[in-house]
Every structure is written in structure tokens, then in C-alpha cells.
Amino acid sequence: MRIIQTKGTINNGEITVKLTEKINNGEVDVVIIAEKEPDEFDHRYQILQEKGYDNRDKILDLIRDIKLEMLEEKINNKNA
């Protein structure tokens, strides 16, 4: 396995990369790190804020509700 780090550009959903090193033709795995794009955590946090979960008490209420749902699901699975 060989790891090469380089930069590329994305235009209309297609990525263009120029390699400075010679590498054999074939399939490769690609990992894309877009520094200026929000990650999953940022996206979920934005949704929480839009739904009004922007303070500590509201977030703790949400966590409590989720825990209760998980407990109910666990009980239901034991009884099934």
C-alpha cells in the first residue's frame, strides 16, 4: 500500500487530481477532506439550533427523552 497526499479540485461533482509521483494504473481508494465544508457534527448542531435546542436545559431534555425511548425499546425487545 502506498499513500500519496496531494490537492485536487472539485467542479460540478467531479474531482481532478494531478499526481507528482508515478503510480501504476488501477483502482485506488480516495479520502476527501474538505476543510471549509461543515462536517456531520456541524450539520446536526445546526439542526438542533433550528429546532430550538440551543441551550443546556433543552439539550438535557432531549437526551432524557432519547434515553427513555431507548429504555422502552429495550423493554419491548425483552418482552418479544
PDB file of N, CA and C in Angstrom:
ATOM      1  N   MET A   1       0.851  -1.164   0.000  1.00  0.00           N
ATOM      2  CA  MET A   1       0.000   0.000   0.000  1.00  0.00           C
ATOM      3  C   MET A   1       0.901   1.233   0.000  1.00  0.00           C
ATOM      4  N   ARG A   2       0.477   2.213  -0.771  1.00  0.00           N
ATOM      5  CA  ARG A   2       1.220   3.453  -0.874  1.00  0.00           C
ATOM      6  C   ARG A   2       0.253   4.608  -0.633  1.00  0.00           C
ATOM      7  N   ILE A   3       0.642   5.553   0.193  1.00  0.00           N
ATOM      8  CA  ILE A   3      -0.201   6.712   0.481  1.00  0.00           C
ATOM      9  C   ILE A   3       0.457   7.943  -0.131  1.00  0.00           C
ATOM     10  N   ILE A   4      -0.307   8.647  -0.948  1.00  0.00           N
ATOM     11  CA  ILE A   4       0.174   9.876  -1.579  1.00  0.00           C
ATOM     12  C   ILE A   4      -0.783  10.993  -1.202  1.00  0.00           C
ATOM     13  N   GLN A   5      -0.241  12.067  -0.693  1.00  0.00           N
ATOM     14  CA  GLN A   5      -1.088  13.218  -0.346  1.00  0.00           C
ATOM     15  C   GLN A   5      -0.872  14.297  -1.390  1.00  0.00           C
ATOM     16  N   THR A   6      -1.976  14.798  -1.931  1.00  0.00           N
ATOM     17  CA  THR A   6      -1.923  15.860  -2.915  1.00  0.00           C
ATOM     18  C   THR A   6      -3.201  16.672  -2.824  1.00  0.00           C
ATOM     19  N   LYS A   7      -3.295  17.740  -3.555  1.00  0.00           N
ATOM     20  CA  LYS A   7      -4.506  18.565  -3.570  1.00  0.00           C
ATOM     21  C   LYS A   7      -5.197  18.378  -4.905  1.00  0.00           C
ATOM     22  N   GLY A   8      -6.505  18.585  -4.924  1.00  0.00           N
ATOM     23  CA  GLY A   8      -7.285  18.477  -6.140  1.00  0.00           C
ATOM     24  C   GLY A   8      -8.371  19.531  -6.143  1.00  0.00           C
ATOM     25  N   THR A   9      -9.165  19.549  -7.208  1.00  0.00           N
ATOM     26  CA  THR A   9     -10.278  20.481  -7.302  1.00  0.00           C
ATOM     27  C   THR A   9     -11.545  19.728  -7.632  1.00  0.00           C
ATOM     28  N   ILE A  10     -12.652  20.230  -7.088  1.00  0.00           N
ATOM     29  CA  ILE A  10     -13.957  19.645  -7.376  1.00  0.00           C
ATOM     30  C   ILE A  10     -14.734  20.673  -8.178  1.00  0.00           C
ATOM     31  N   ASN A  11     -15.280  20.224  -9.296  1.00  0.00           N
ATOM     32  CA  ASN A  11     -16.075  21.089 -10.151  1.00  0.00           C
ATOM     33  C   ASN A  11     -17.273  20.288 -10.639  1.00  0.00           C
ATOM     34  N   ASN A  12     -18.473  20.720 -10.258  1.00  0.00           N
ATOM     35  CA  ASN A  12     -19.709  20.028 -10.636  1.00  0.00           C
ATOM     36  C   ASN A  12     -19.697  18.552 -10.246  1.00  0.00           C
ATOM     37  N   GLY A  13     -19.195  18.257  -9.059  1.00  0.00           N
ATOM     38  CA  GLY A  13     -19.216  16.894  -8.552  1.00  0.00           C
ATOM     39  C   GLY A  13     -18.105  15.992  -9.065  1.00  0.00           C
ATOM     40  N   GLU A  14     -17.227  16.512  -9.894  1.00  0.00           N
ATOM     41  CA  GLU A  14     -16.100  15.715 -10.397  1.00  0.00           C
ATOM     42  C   GLU A  14     -14.814  16.248  -9.788  1.00  0.00           C
ATOM     43  N   ILE A  15     -13.949  15.321  -9.384  1.00  0.00           N
ATOM     44  CA  ILE A  15     -12.687  15.712  -8.766  1.00  0.00           C
ATOM     45  C   ILE A  15     -11.552  15.538  -9.773  1.00  0.00           C
ATOM     46  N   THR A  16     -10.666  16.512  -9.793  1.00  0.00           N
ATOM     47  CA  THR A  16      -9.491  16.467 -10.660  1.00  0.00           C
ATOM     48  C   THR A  16      -8.263  16.527  -9.774  1.00  0.00           C
ATOM     49  N   VAL A  17      -7.370  15.558  -9.960  1.00  0.00           N
ATOM     50  CA  VAL A  17      -6.158  15.477  -9.151  1.00  0.00           C
ATOM     51  C   VAL A  17      -4.979  15.237 -10.082  1.00  0.00           C
ATOM     52  N   LYS A  18      -3.892  15.939  -9.845  1.00  0.00           N
ATOM     53  CA  LYS A  18      -2.662  15.685 -10.588  1.00  0.00           C
ATOM     54  C   LYS A  18      -1.639  15.119  -9.611  1.00  0.00           C
ATOM     55  N   LEU A  19      -1.078  13.981  -9.983  1.00  0.00           N
ATOM     56  CA  LEU A  19      -0.078  13.341  -9.139  1.00  0.00           C
ATOM     57  C   LEU A  19       1.311  13.741  -9.590  1.00  0.00           C
ATOM     58  N   THR A  20       2.163  14.029  -8.630  1.00  0.00           N
ATOM     59  CA  THR A  20       3.540  14.389  -8.954  1.00  0.00           C
ATOM     60  C   THR A  20       4.428  13.148  -9.008  1.00  0.00           C
ATOM     61  N   GLU A  21       3.919  12.043  -8.491  1.00  0.00           N
ATOM     62  CA  GLU A  21       4.684  10.800  -8.480  1.00  0.00           C
ATOM     63  C   GLU A  21       4.063   9.801  -9.442  1.00  0.00           C
ATOM     64  N   LYS A  22       4.872   8.908  -9.971  1.00  0.00           N
ATOM     65  CA  LYS A  22       4.380   7.868 -10.876  1.00  0.00           C
ATOM     66  C   LYS A  22       3.726   6.769 -10.048  1.00  0.00           C
ATOM     67  N   ILE A  23       2.556   6.336 -10.503  1.00  0.00           N
ATOM     68  CA  ILE A  23       1.846   5.256  -9.826  1.00  0.00           C
ATOM     69  C   ILE A  23       1.178   4.399 -10.894  1.00  0.00           C
ATOM     70  N   ASN A  24       1.086   3.113 -10.655  1.00  0.00           N
ATOM     71  CA  ASN A  24       0.502   2.200 -11.640  1.00  0.00           C
ATOM     72  C   ASN A  24      -0.983   2.464 -11.837  1.00  0.00           C
ATOM     73  N   ASN A  25      -1.472   2.156 -13.028  1.00  0.00           N
ATOM     74  CA  ASN A  25      -2.904   2.282 -13.317  1.00  0.00           C
ATOM     75  C   ASN A  25      -3.678   1.274 -12.482  1.00  0.00           C
ATOM     76  N   GLY A  26      -4.881   1.625 -12.117  1.00  0.00           N
ATOM     77  CA  GLY A  26      -5.730   0.721 -11.353  1.00  0.00           C
ATOM     78  C   GLY A  26      -6.643   1.499 -10.441  1.00  0.00           C
ATOM     79  N   GLU A  27      -7.417   0.769  -9.683  1.00  0.00           N
ATOM     80  CA  GLU A  27      -8.367   1.367  -8.764  1.00  0.00           C
ATOM     81  C   GLU A  27      -7.649   1.828  -7.501  1.00  0.00           C
ATOM     82  N   VAL A  28      -8.076   2.974  -6.973  1.00  0.00           N
ATOM     83  CA  VAL A  28      -7.494   3.496  -5.743  1.00  0.00           C
ATOM     84  C   VAL A  28      -8.618   3.901  -4.786  1.00  0.00           C
ATOM     85  N   ASP A  29      -8.317   3.929  -3.508  1.00  0.00           N
ATOM     86  CA  ASP A  29      -9.238   4.455  -2.509  1.00  0.00           C
ATOM     87  C   ASP A  29      -8.972   5.952  -2.393  1.00  0.00           C
ATOM     88  N   VAL A  30     -10.036   6.728  -2.262  1.00  0.00           N
ATOM     89  CA  VAL A  30      -9.898   8.179  -2.183  1.00  0.00           C
ATOM     90  C   VAL A  30     -10.542   8.665  -0.891  1.00  0.00           C
ATOM     91  N   VAL A  31      -9.824   9.480  -0.147  1.00  0.00           N
ATOM     92  CA  VAL A  31     -10.347  10.112   1.052  1.00  0.00           C
ATOM     93  C   VAL A  31     -10.344  11.611   0.777  1.00  0.00           C
ATOM     94  N   ILE A  32     -11.509  12.239   0.918  1.00  0.00           N
ATOM     95  CA  ILE A  32     -11.623  13.670   0.642  1.00  0.00           C
ATOM     96  C   ILE A  32     -11.785  14.412   1.960  1.00  0.00           C
ATOM     97  N   ILE A  33     -10.947  15.396   2.176  1.00  0.00           N
ATOM     98  CA  ILE A  33     -11.039  16.249   3.359  1.00  0.00           C
ATOM     99  C   ILE A  33     -11.281  17.665   2.852  1.00  0.00           C
ATOM    100  N   ALA A  34     -12.502  18.141   3.033  1.00  0.00           N
ATOM    101  CA  ALA A  34     -12.866  19.489   2.602  1.00  0.00           C
ATOM    102  C   ALA A  34     -12.890  20.379   3.840  1.00  0.00           C
ATOM    103  N   GLU A  35     -11.829  21.130   4.041  1.00  0.00           N
ATOM    104  CA  GLU A  35     -11.651  21.894   5.269  1.00  0.00           C
ATOM    105  C   GLU A  35     -12.736  22.940   5.489  1.00  0.00           C
ATOM    106  N   LYS A  36     -13.253  23.528   4.440  1.00  0.00           N
ATOM    107  CA  LYS A  36     -14.211  24.626   4.602  1.00  0.00           C
ATOM    108  C   LYS A  36     -15.660  24.157   4.555  1.00  0.00           C
ATOM    109  N   GLU A  37     -15.887  22.858   4.472  1.00  0.00           N
ATOM    110  CA  GLU A  37     -17.234  22.298   4.458  1.00  0.00           C
ATOM    111  C   GLU A  37     -17.598  21.850   5.866  1.00  0.00           C
ATOM    112  N   PRO A  38     -18.855  22.062   6.276  1.00  0.00           N
ATOM    113  CA  PRO A  38     -19.254  21.605   7.609  1.00  0.00           C
ATOM    114  C   PRO A  38     -19.299  20.075   7.674  1.00  0.00           C
ATOM    115  N   ASP A  39     -18.884  19.521   8.814  1.00  0.00           N
ATOM    116  CA  ASP A  39     -18.927  18.075   8.974  1.00  0.00           C
ATOM    117  C   ASP A  39     -20.284  17.660   9.545  1.00  0.00           C
ATOM    118  N   GLU A  40     -20.448  16.384   9.803  1.00  0.00           N
ATOM    119  CA  GLU A  40     -21.724  15.853  10.294  1.00  0.00           C
ATOM    120  C   GLU A  40     -22.105  16.484  11.630  1.00  0.00           C
ATOM    121  N   PHE A  41     -21.121  16.702  12.510  1.00  0.00           N
ATOM    122  CA  PHE A  41     -21.406  17.313  13.808  1.00  0.00           C
ATOM    123  C   PHE A  41     -21.952  18.727  13.612  1.00  0.00           C
ATOM    124  N   ASP A  42     -21.308  19.518  12.746  1.00  0.00           N
ATOM    125  CA  ASP A  42     -21.773  20.877  12.477  1.00  0.00           C
ATOM    126  C   ASP A  42     -23.188  20.872  11.920  1.00  0.00           C
ATOM    127  N   HIS A  43     -23.450  19.940  11.022  1.00  0.00           N
ATOM    128  CA  HIS A  43     -24.776  19.845  10.403  1.00  0.00           C
ATOM    129  C   HIS A  43     -25.846  19.505  11.445  1.00  0.00           C
ATOM    130  N   ARG A  44     -25.556  18.521  12.288  1.00  0.00           N
ATOM    131  CA  ARG A  44     -26.519  18.131  13.323  1.00  0.00           C
ATOM    132  C   ARG A  44     -26.724  19.256  14.347  1.00  0.00           C
ATOM    133  N   TYR A  45     -25.650  19.966  14.699  1.00  0.00           N
ATOM    134  CA  TYR A  45     -25.756  21.068  15.645  1.00  0.00           C
ATOM    135  C   TYR A  45     -26.642  22.176  15.074  1.00  0.00           C
ATOM    136  N   GLN A  46     -26.505  22.444  13.792  1.00  0.00           N
ATOM    137  CA  GLN A  46     -27.335  23.457  13.146  1.00  0.00           C
ATOM    138  C   GLN A  46     -28.811  23.054  13.187  1.00  0.00           C
ATOM    139  N   ILE A  47     -29.104  21.772  12.944  1.00  0.00           N
ATOM    140  CA  ILE A  47     -30.488  21.288  13.012  1.00  0.00           C
ATOM    141  C   ILE A  47     -31.041  21.450  14.426  1.00  0.00           C
ATOM    142  N   LEU A  48     -30.229  21.109  15.434  1.00  0.00           N
ATOM    143  CA  LEU A  48     -30.663  21.265  16.821  1.00  0.00           C
ATOM    144  C   LEU A  48     -30.995  22.726  17.130  1.00  0.00           C
ATOM    145  N   GLN A  49     -30.158  23.638  16.668  1.00  0.00           N
ATOM    146  CA  GLN A  49     -30.415  25.056  16.911  1.00  0.00           C
ATOM    147  C   GLN A  49     -31.701  25.500  16.228  1.00  0.00           C
ATOM    148  N   GLU A  50     -31.925  25.034  14.994  1.00  0.00           N
ATOM    149  CA  GLU A  50     -33.131  25.402  14.268  1.00  0.00           C
ATOM    150  C   GLU A  50     -34.387  24.893  14.966  1.00  0.00           C
ATOM    151  N   LYS A  51     -34.267  23.746  15.671  1.00  0.00           N
ATOM    152  CA  LYS A  51     -35.414  23.175  16.372  1.00  0.00           C
ATOM    153  C   LYS A  51     -35.552  23.725  17.792  1.00  0.00           C
ATOM    154  N   GLY A  52     -34.709  24.690  18.159  1.00  0.00           N
ATOM    155  CA  GLY A  52     -34.837  25.327  19.466  1.00  0.00           C
ATOM    156  C   GLY A  52     -33.998  24.720  20.564  1.00  0.00           C
ATOM    157  N   TYR A  53     -33.159  23.753  20.254  1.00  0.00           N
ATOM    158  CA  TYR A  53     -32.300  23.135  21.266  1.00  0.00           C
ATOM    159  C   TYR A  53     -30.976  23.888  21.327  1.00  0.00           C
ATOM    160  N   ASP A  54     -31.057  25.157  21.719  1.00  0.00           N
ATOM    161  CA  ASP A  54     -29.863  25.992  21.708  1.00  0.00           C
ATOM    162  C   ASP A  54     -29.383  26.363  23.114  1.00  0.00           C
ATOM    163  N   ASN A  55     -29.976  25.746  24.138  1.00  0.00           N
ATOM    164  CA  ASN A  55     -29.465  25.979  25.486  1.00  0.00           C
ATOM    165  C   ASN A  55     -29.323  24.652  26.222  1.00  0.00           C
ATOM    166  N   ARG A  56     -28.612  24.693  27.325  1.00  0.00           N
ATOM    167  CA  ARG A  56     -28.254  23.477  28.064  1.00  0.00           C
ATOM    168  C   ARG A  56     -29.485  22.687  28.522  1.00  0.00           C
ATOM    169  N   ASP A  57     -30.484  23.367  29.052  1.00  0.00           N
ATOM    170  CA  ASP A  57     -31.672  22.678  29.570  1.00  0.00           C
ATOM    171  C   ASP A  57     -32.431  21.940  28.474  1.00  0.00           C
ATOM    172  N   LYS A  58     -32.579  22.564  27.319  1.00  0.00           N
ATOM    173  CA  LYS A  58     -33.288  21.927  26.207  1.00  0.00           C
ATOM    174  C   LYS A  58     -32.512  20.700  25.715  1.00  0.00           C
ATOM    175  N   ILE A  59     -31.191  20.800  25.680  1.00  0.00           N
ATOM    176  CA  ILE A  59     -30.374  19.663  25.240  1.00  0.00           C
ATOM    177  C   ILE A  59     -30.483  18.519  26.239  1.00  0.00           C
ATOM    178  N   LEU A  60     -30.461  18.831  27.539  1.00  0.00           N
ATOM    179  CA  LEU A  60     -30.608  17.778  28.556  1.00  0.00           C
ATOM    180  C   LEU A  60     -31.989  17.128  28.467  1.00  0.00           C
ATOM    181  N   ASP A  61     -33.024  17.908  28.176  1.00  0.00           N
ATOM    182  CA  ASP A  61     -34.366  17.336  27.975  1.00  0.00           C
ATOM    183  C   ASP A  61     -34.371  16.367  26.798  1.00  0.00           C
ATOM    184  N   LEU A  62     -33.705  16.753  25.717  1.00  0.00           N
ATOM    185  CA  LEU A  62     -33.621  15.885  24.537  1.00  0.00           C
ATOM    186  C   LEU A  62     -32.893  14.587  24.865  1.00  0.00           C
ATOM    187  N   ILE A  63     -31.791  14.680  25.594  1.00  0.00           N
ATOM    188  CA  ILE A  63     -31.036  13.483  25.988  1.00  0.00           C
ATOM    189  C   ILE A  63     -31.905  12.576  26.855  1.00  0.00           C
ATOM    190  N   ARG A  64     -32.656  13.165  27.791  1.00  0.00           N
ATOM    191  CA  ARG A  64     -33.539  12.388  28.658  1.00  0.00           C
ATOM    192  C   ARG A  64     -34.599  11.656  27.827  1.00  0.00           C
ATOM    193  N   ASP A  65     -35.187  12.380  26.862  1.00  0.00           N
ATOM    194  CA  ASP A  65     -36.202  11.762  26.005  1.00  0.00           C
ATOM    195  C   ASP A  65     -35.631  10.588  25.204  1.00  0.00           C
ATOM    196  N   ILE A  66     -34.437  10.765  24.699  1.00  0.00           N
ATOM    197  CA  ILE A  66     -33.799   9.694  23.918  1.00  0.00           C
ATOM    198  C   ILE A  66     -33.513   8.493  24.803  1.00  0.00           C
ATOM    199  N   LYS A  67     -33.021   8.739  26.023  1.00  0.00           N
ATOM    200  CA  LYS A  67     -32.749   7.636  26.952  1.00  0.00           C
ATOM    201  C   LYS A  67     -34.032   6.875  27.283  1.00  0.00           C
ATOM    202  N   LEU A  68     -35.136   7.603  27.482  1.00  0.00           N
ATOM    203  CA  LEU A  68     -36.410   6.945  27.769  1.00  0.00           C
ATOM    204  C   LEU A  68     -36.867   6.095  26.582  1.00  0.00           C
ATOM    205  N   GLU A  69     -36.703   6.618  25.374  1.00  0.00           N
ATOM    206  CA  GLU A  69     -37.059   5.842  24.176  1.00  0.00           C
ATOM    207  C   GLU A  69     -36.217   4.576  24.073  1.00  0.00           C
ATOM    208  N   MET A  70     -34.925   4.701  24.359  1.00  0.00           N
ATOM    209  CA  MET A  70     -34.045   3.537  24.295  1.00  0.00           C
ATOM    210  C   MET A  70     -34.436   2.501  25.346  1.00  0.00           C
ATOM    211  N   LEU A  71     -34.801   2.961  26.544  1.00  0.00           N
ATOM    212  CA  LEU A  71     -35.220   2.056  27.606  1.00  0.00           C
ATOM    213  C   LEU A  71     -36.506   1.337  27.225  1.00  0.00           C
ATOM    214  N   GLU A  72     -37.477   2.079  26.669  1.00  0.00           N
ATOM    215  CA  GLU A  72     -38.720   1.459  26.215  1.00  0.00           C
ATOM    216  C   GLU A  72     -38.447   0.397  25.144  1.00  0.00           C
ATOM    217  N   GLU A  73     -37.558   0.733  24.215  1.00  0.00           N
ATOM    218  CA  GLU A  73     -37.223  -0.205  23.148  1.00  0.00           C
ATOM    219  C   GLU A  73     -36.568  -1.464  23.720  1.00  0.00           C
ATOM    220  N   LYS A  74     -35.705  -1.281  24.695  1.00  0.00           N
ATOM    221  CA  LYS A  74     -35.031  -2.418  25.330  1.00  0.00           C
ATOM    222  C   LYS A  74     -36.043  -3.311  26.041  1.00  0.00           C
ATOM    223  N   ILE A  75     -36.987  -2.692  26.749  1.00  0.00           N
ATOM    224  CA  ILE A  75     -38.029  -3.459  27.450  1.00  0.00           C
ATOM    225  C   ILE A  75     -38.899  -4.206  26.457  1.00  0.00           C
ATOM    226  N   ASN A  76     -39.282  -3.532  25.377  1.00  0.00           N
ATOM    227  CA  ASN A  76     -40.120  -4.168  24.355  1.00  0.00           C
ATOM    228  C   ASN A  76     -39.406  -5.342  23.693  1.00  0.00           C
ATOM    229  N   ASN A  77     -38.099  -5.221  23.479  1.00  0.00           N
ATOM    230  CA  ASN A  77     -37.339  -6.312  22.862  1.00  0.00           C
ATOM    231  C   ASN A  77     -37.209  -7.509  23.813  1.00  0.00           C
ATOM    232  N   LYS A  78     -37.146  -7.252  25.117  1.00  0.00           N
ATOM    233  CA  LYS A  78     -37.082  -8.353  26.094  1.00  0.00           C
ATOM    234  C   LYS A  78     -38.393  -9.096  26.154  1.00  0.00           C
ATOM    235  N   ASN A  79     -39.506  -8.370  26.024  1.00  0.00           N
ATOM    236  CA  ASN A  79     -40.833  -8.984  26.113  1.00  0.00           C
ATOM    237  C   ASN A  79     -41.232  -9.681  24.820  1.00  0.00           C
ATOM    238  N   ALA A  80     -40.528  -9.409  23.742  1.00  0.00           N
ATOM    239  CA  ALA A  80     -40.908 -10.014  22.456  1.00  0.00           C
ATOM    240  C   ALA A  80     -40.440 -11.437  22.324  1.00  0.00           C
TER     241      ALA A  80
END
